[in-house]
């Protein structure tokens, strides 16, 4: 009987070993599947991080591009302001010179008339119709001012008389001296 009990004990042990081995195999299979899922997820995570790095690089390139555009805009705004200032200075200088020229010309014309000479042609006739008329009003978005530029009116045909008496100004100028 002791042999029987020993055999029964051994059979119970073998049964327990078999059950535990089956349980161990199931866990091993699940463990293997988990490892594969873990490796797959690690690969995905690595890909996600690489994609994130690429997106961040692209973002930084766009940020740099926007920074350069803003810098260009600032430079252009400063250039426009400087150009407007220069234009205003030139316009004021031109007006001052014109104001100086006008009385001087009237005086010279009066002296010429006393000697029986013809008056000198007006500046706008002599210089191909240059005038101080506001030719092209410009509203500056930076200063809010109306800016006026000197305009050059279109040239007159060489055959078109430029003075009141029908002769061309260059011919008159040559005979006046």
C-alpha atoms as a PDB file:
ATOM      1  CA  UNK A   1       0.000   0.000   0.000  1.00  0.00           C
ATOM      2  CA  UNK A   2       2.820   2.263   0.594  1.00  0.00           C
ATOM      3  CA  UNK A   3       3.762   1.731  -3.006  1.00  0.00           C
ATOM      4  CA  UNK A   4       0.262   2.644  -4.040  1.00  0.00           C
ATOM      5  CA  UNK A   5       0.312   5.787  -1.982  1.00  0.00           C
ATOM      6  CA  UNK A   6       3.690   6.662  -3.313  1.00  0.00           C
ATOM      7  CA  UNK A   7       2.451   6.096  -6.863  1.00  0.00           C
ATOM      8  CA  UNK A   8      -0.694   8.153  -6.125  1.00  0.00           C
ATOM      9  CA  UNK A   9       1.464  10.878  -4.692  1.00  0.00           C
ATOM     10  CA  UNK A  10       3.669  10.782  -7.753  1.00  0.00           C
ATOM     11  CA  UNK A  11       0.571  10.854 -10.016  1.00  0.00           C
ATOM     12  CA  UNK A  12      -0.791  13.836  -8.090  1.00  0.00           C
ATOM     13  CA  UNK A  13       2.573  15.524  -8.437  1.00  0.00           C
ATOM     14  CA  UNK A  14       2.640  14.756 -12.160  1.00  0.00           C
ATOM     15  CA  UNK A  15      -0.923  16.106 -12.485  1.00  0.00           C
ATOM     16  CA  UNK A  16       0.068  19.257 -10.599  1.00  0.00           C
ATOM     17  CA  UNK A  17       3.203  19.573 -12.759  1.00  0.00           C
ATOM     18  CA  UNK A  18       1.058  19.202 -15.878  1.00  0.00           C
ATOM     19  CA  UNK A  19      -1.475  21.823 -14.690  1.00  0.00           C
ATOM     20  CA  UNK A  20       1.275  24.209 -13.653  1.00  0.00           C
ATOM     21  CA  UNK A  21       3.121  23.595 -16.944  1.00  0.00           C
ATOM     22  CA  UNK A  22      -0.079  24.360 -18.937  1.00  0.00           C
ATOM     23  CA  UNK A  23      -0.627  27.469 -16.817  1.00  0.00           C
ATOM     24  CA  UNK A  24       3.022  28.402 -17.339  1.00  0.00           C
ATOM     25  CA  UNK A  25       2.672  27.917 -21.136  1.00  0.00           C
ATOM     26  CA  UNK A  26      -0.427  30.118 -21.215  1.00  0.00           C
ATOM     27  CA  UNK A  27       1.400  32.820 -19.259  1.00  0.00           C
ATOM     28  CA  UNK A  28       4.462  32.364 -21.480  1.00  0.00           C
ATOM     29  CA  UNK A  29       2.285  32.834 -24.600  1.00  0.00           C
ATOM     30  CA  UNK A  30       0.673  35.937 -23.088  1.00  0.00           C
ATOM     31  CA  UNK A  31       4.091  37.197 -22.012  1.00  0.00           C
ATOM     32  CA  UNK A  32       5.433  36.690 -25.533  1.00  0.00           C
ATOM     33  CA  UNK A  33       2.437  38.600 -26.994  1.00  0.00           C
ATOM     34  CA  UNK A  34       3.004  41.395 -24.428  1.00  0.00           C
ATOM     35  CA  UNK A  35       6.684  41.627 -25.378  1.00  0.00           C
ATOM     36  CA  UNK A  36       5.753  41.848 -29.065  1.00  0.00           C
ATOM     37  CA  UNK A  37       3.160  44.537 -28.255  1.00  0.00           C
ATOM     38  CA  UNK A  38       5.782  46.329 -26.135  1.00  0.00           C
ATOM     39  CA  UNK A  39       8.331  46.250 -28.963  1.00  0.00           C
ATOM     40  CA  UNK A  40       5.693  47.416 -31.445  1.00  0.00           C
ATOM     41  CA  UNK A  41       4.662  50.265 -29.154  1.00  0.00           C
ATOM     42  CA  UNK A  42       8.308  51.260 -28.658  1.00  0.00           C
ATOM     43  CA  UNK A  43       8.752  51.391 -32.456  1.00  0.00           C
ATOM     44  CA  UNK A  44       5.595  53.503 -32.770  1.00  0.00           C
ATOM     45  CA  UNK A  45       6.748  55.792 -29.986  1.00  0.00           C
ATOM     46  CA  UNK A  46      10.127  56.217 -31.696  1.00  0.00           C
ATOM     47  CA  UNK A  47       8.348  57.044 -34.992  1.00  0.00           C
ATOM     48  CA  UNK A  48       6.052  59.506 -33.206  1.00  0.00           C
ATOM     49  CA  UNK A  49       9.047  61.241 -31.631  1.00  0.00           C
ATOM     50  CA  UNK A  50      10.816  61.428 -34.994  1.00  0.00           C
ATOM     51  CA  UNK A  51       7.681  62.890 -36.568  1.00  0.00           C
ATOM     52  CA  UNK A  52       7.409  65.352 -33.683  1.00  0.00           C
ATOM     53  CA  UNK A  53      11.037  66.399 -34.210  1.00  0.00           C
ATOM     54  CA  UNK A  54      10.370  66.950 -37.919  1.00  0.00           C
ATOM     55  CA  UNK A  55       7.273  68.995 -37.130  1.00  0.00           C
ATOM     56  CA  UNK A  56       9.196  71.089 -34.604  1.00  0.00           C
ATOM     57  CA  UNK A  57      11.939  71.692 -37.177  1.00  0.00           C
ATOM     58  CA  UNK A  58       9.319  72.742 -39.727  1.00  0.00           C
ATOM     59  CA  UNK A  59       7.688  74.980 -37.126  1.00  0.00           C
ATOM     60  CA  UNK A  60      11.025  76.616 -36.320  1.00  0.00           C
ATOM     61  CA  UNK A  61      11.682  77.154 -40.039  1.00  0.00           C
ATOM     62  CA  UNK A  62       8.285  78.879 -40.340  1.00  0.00           C
ATOM     63  CA  UNK A  63       8.934  80.903 -37.194  1.00  0.00           C
ATOM     64  CA  UNK A  64      12.280  82.024 -38.633  1.00  0.00           C
ATOM     65  CA  UNK A  65      10.607  82.823 -41.946  1.00  0.00           C
ATOM     66  CA  UNK A  66       7.969  84.915 -40.132  1.00  0.00           C
ATOM     67  CA  UNK A  67      10.702  86.636 -38.116  1.00  0.00           C
ATOM     68  CA  UNK A  68      12.509  87.532 -41.343  1.00  0.00           C
ATOM     69  CA  UNK A  69       9.265  88.795 -42.886  1.00  0.00           C
ATOM     70  CA  UNK A  70       8.633  90.964 -39.816  1.00  0.00           C
ATOM     71  CA  UNK A  71      12.188  92.273 -40.006  1.00  0.00           C
ATOM     72  CA  UNK A  72      11.684  93.069 -43.708  1.00  0.00           C
ATOM     73  CA  UNK A  73       8.402  94.831 -42.887  1.00  0.00           C
ATOM     74  CA  UNK A  74      10.139  96.912 -40.218  1.00  0.00           C
ATOM     75  CA  UNK A  75      12.932  97.843 -42.617  1.00  0.00           C
ATOM     76  CA  UNK A  76      10.402  98.735 -45.313  1.00  0.00           C
ATOM     77  CA  UNK A  77       8.352 100.858 -42.856  1.00  0.00           C
ATOM     78  CA  UNK A  78      11.507 102.724 -41.849  1.00  0.00           C
ATOM     79  CA  UNK A  79      12.489 103.155 -45.498  1.00  0.00           C
ATOM     80  CA  UNK A  80       9.039 104.516 -46.330  1.00  0.00           C
ATOM     81  CA  UNK A  81       9.159 106.931 -43.382  1.00  0.00           C
ATOM     82  CA  UNK A  82      12.621 108.114 -44.419  1.00  0.00           C
ATOM     83  CA  UNK A  83      11.507 108.490 -48.031  1.00  0.00           C
ATOM     84  CA  UNK A  84       8.454 110.496 -46.920  1.00  0.00           C
ATOM     85  CA  UNK A  85      10.706 112.726 -44.810  1.00  0.00           C
ATOM     86  CA  UNK A  86      13.108 113.188 -47.728  1.00  0.00           C
ATOM     87  CA  UNK A  87      10.189 113.959 -50.041  1.00  0.00           C
ATOM     88  CA  UNK A  88       8.819 116.537 -47.596  1.00  0.00           C
ATOM     89  CA  UNK A  89      12.263 118.157 -47.249  1.00  0.00           C
ATOM     90  CA  UNK A  90      12.720 118.276 -51.027  1.00  0.00           C
ATOM     91  CA  UNK A  91       9.251 119.689 -51.543  1.00  0.00           C
ATOM     92  CA  UNK A  92       9.845 122.373 -48.916  1.00  0.00           C
ATOM     93  CA  UNK A  93      13.244 123.182 -50.396  1.00  0.00           C
ATOM     94  CA  UNK A  94      11.724 123.398 -53.874  1.00  0.00           C
ATOM     95  CA  UNK A  95       8.990 125.719 -52.607  1.00  0.00           C
ATOM     96  CA  UNK A  96      11.574 127.956 -50.920  1.00  0.00           C
ATOM     97  CA  UNK A  97      13.644 128.103 -54.106  1.00  0.00           C
ATOM     98  CA  UNK A  98      10.532 128.850 -56.145  1.00  0.00           C
ATOM     99  CA  UNK A  99       9.592 131.612 -53.704  1.00  0.00           C
ATOM    100  CA  UNK A 100      13.130 133.022 -54.100  1.00  0.00           C
ATOM    101  CA  UNK A 101      12.995 132.687 -57.901  1.00  0.00           C
ATOM    102  CA  UNK A 102       9.633 134.370 -58.417  1.00  0.00           C
ATOM    103  CA  UNK A 103      10.457 137.898 -57.123  1.00  0.00           C
ATOM    104  CA  UNK A 104      13.898 137.750 -58.716  1.00  0.00           C
ATOM    105  CA  UNK A 105      12.379 136.864 -62.084  1.00  0.00           C
ATOM    106  CA  UNK A 106       9.792 139.636 -61.757  1.00  0.00           C
ATOM    107  CA  UNK A 107      12.591 142.095 -60.999  1.00  0.00           C
ATOM    108  CA  UNK A 108      14.660 140.903 -63.998  1.00  0.00           C
ATOM    109  CA  UNK A 109      11.564 141.066 -66.240  1.00  0.00           C
ATOM    110  CA  UNK A 110      10.893 144.634 -65.061  1.00  0.00           C
ATOM    111  CA  UNK A 111      14.506 145.622 -65.824  1.00  0.00           C
ATOM    112  CA  UNK A 112      14.303 143.974 -69.260  1.00  0.00           C
ATOM    113  CA  UNK A 113      11.042 145.769 -70.021  1.00  0.00           C
ATOM    114  CA  UNK A 114      12.680 149.126 -69.212  1.00  0.00           C
ATOM    115  CA  UNK A 115      15.318 148.300 -71.842  1.00  0.00           C
ATOM    116  CA  UNK A 116      12.679 147.219 -74.358  1.00  0.00           C
ATOM    117  CA  UNK A 117      13.577 143.514 -74.151  1.00  0.00           C
ATOM    118  CA  UNK A 118      11.050 140.726 -73.990  1.00  0.00           C
ATOM    119  CA  UNK A 119      10.276 139.119 -70.719  1.00  0.00           C
ATOM    120  CA  UNK A 120      12.067 135.855 -69.928  1.00  0.00           C
ATOM    121  CA  UNK A 121       9.912 132.758 -70.333  1.00  0.00           C
ATOM    122  CA  UNK A 122       8.168 131.511 -67.221  1.00  0.00           C
ATOM    123  CA  UNK A 123       9.813 128.630 -65.412  1.00  0.00           C
ATOM    124  CA  UNK A 124       7.040 126.207 -66.237  1.00  0.00           C
ATOM    125  CA  UNK A 125       7.309 127.069 -69.961  1.00  0.00           C
ATOM    126  CA  UNK A 126      11.088 126.925 -69.963  1.00  0.00           C
ATOM    127  CA  UNK A 127      11.442 123.653 -68.121  1.00  0.00           C
ATOM    128  CA  UNK A 128       8.931 121.549 -70.032  1.00  0.00           C
ATOM    129  CA  UNK A 129       5.918 122.467 -67.991  1.00  0.00           C
ATOM    130  CA  UNK A 130       7.316 121.809 -64.503  1.00  0.00           C
ATOM    131  CA  UNK A 131       5.061 123.223 -61.848  1.00  0.00           C
ATOM    132  CA  UNK A 132       4.407 123.034 -58.159  1.00  0.00           C
ATOM    133  CA  UNK A 133       0.894 121.742 -58.655  1.00  0.00           C
ATOM    134  CA  UNK A 134      -0.126 118.796 -56.511  1.00  0.00           C
ATOM    135  CA  UNK A 135       0.173 116.224 -59.247  1.00  0.00           C
ATOM    136  CA  UNK A 136      -0.178 113.016 -57.380  1.00  0.00           C
ATOM    137  CA  UNK A 137      -1.554 113.275 -53.841  1.00  0.00           C
ATOM    138  CA  UNK A 138      -0.350 110.409 -51.694  1.00  0.00           C
ATOM    139  CA  UNK A 139      -1.745 109.626 -48.289  1.00  0.00           C
ATOM    140  CA  UNK A 140       0.886 108.118 -46.083  1.00  0.00           C
ATOM    141  CA  UNK A 141      -0.416 105.409 -43.798  1.00  0.00           C
ATOM    142  CA  UNK A 142       2.476 106.098 -41.452  1.00  0.00           C
ATOM    143  CA  UNK A 143       2.225 109.858 -41.030  1.00  0.00           C
ATOM    144  CA  UNK A 144      -1.370 110.410 -42.142  1.00  0.00           C
ATOM    145  CA  UNK A 145      -0.230 113.382 -44.231  1.00  0.00           C
ATOM    146  CA  UNK A 146      -1.059 114.287 -47.798  1.00  0.00           C
ATOM    147  CA  UNK A 147       2.144 114.350 -49.755  1.00  0.00           C
ATOM    148  CA  UNK A 148       2.457 116.223 -53.025  1.00  0.00           C
ATOM    149  CA  UNK A 149       5.137 115.578 -55.545  1.00  0.00           C
ATOM    150  CA  UNK A 150       6.309 117.845 -58.276  1.00  0.00           C
ATOM    151  CA  UNK A 151       4.868 116.698 -61.511  1.00  0.00           C
ATOM    152  CA  UNK A 152       6.417 116.782 -64.912  1.00  0.00           C
ATOM    153  CA  UNK A 153       3.654 117.340 -67.381  1.00  0.00           C
ATOM    154  CA  UNK A 154       3.982 115.542 -70.703  1.00  0.00           C
ATOM    155  CA  UNK A 155       6.347 117.097 -73.217  1.00  0.00           C
ATOM    156  CA  UNK A 156       4.801 119.153 -75.938  1.00  0.00           C
ATOM    157  CA  UNK A 157       5.389 118.138 -79.539  1.00  0.00           C
ATOM    158  CA  UNK A 158       8.362 120.016 -81.071  1.00  0.00           C
ATOM    159  CA  UNK A 159       5.993 121.541 -83.620  1.00  0.00           C
ATOM    160  CA  UNK A 160       3.645 122.937 -80.965  1.00  0.00           C
ATOM    161  CA  UNK A 161       4.255 126.581 -80.038  1.00  0.00           C
ATOM    162  CA  UNK A 162       5.150 127.059 -76.390  1.00  0.00           C
ATOM    163  CA  UNK A 163       4.847 130.817 -75.953  1.00  0.00           C
ATOM    164  CA  UNK A 164       1.930 133.229 -76.386  1.00  0.00           C
ATOM    165  CA  UNK A 165       3.237 134.702 -79.649  1.00  0.00           C
ATOM    166  CA  UNK A 166       3.562 131.292 -81.328  1.00  0.00           C
ATOM    167  CA  UNK A 167       7.355 130.956 -81.399  1.00  0.00           C
ATOM    168  CA  UNK A 168       9.184 128.211 -79.630  1.00  0.00           C
ATOM    169  CA  UNK A 169      10.889 129.085 -76.350  1.00  0.00           C
ATOM    170  CA  UNK A 170      14.377 127.910 -77.337  1.00  0.00           C
ATOM    171  CA  UNK A 171      14.379 130.212 -80.390  1.00  0.00           C
ATOM    172  CA  UNK A 172      13.255 133.147 -78.235  1.00  0.00           C
ATOM    173  CA  UNK A 173      15.911 132.393 -75.672  1.00  0.00           C
ATOM    174  CA  UNK A 174      18.648 132.412 -78.315  1.00  0.00           C
ATOM    175  CA  UNK A 175      17.488 135.779 -79.757  1.00  0.00           C
ATOM    176  CA  UNK A 176      17.055 137.385 -76.315  1.00  0.00           C
ATOM    177  CA  UNK A 177      20.777 137.378 -75.504  1.00  0.00           C
END
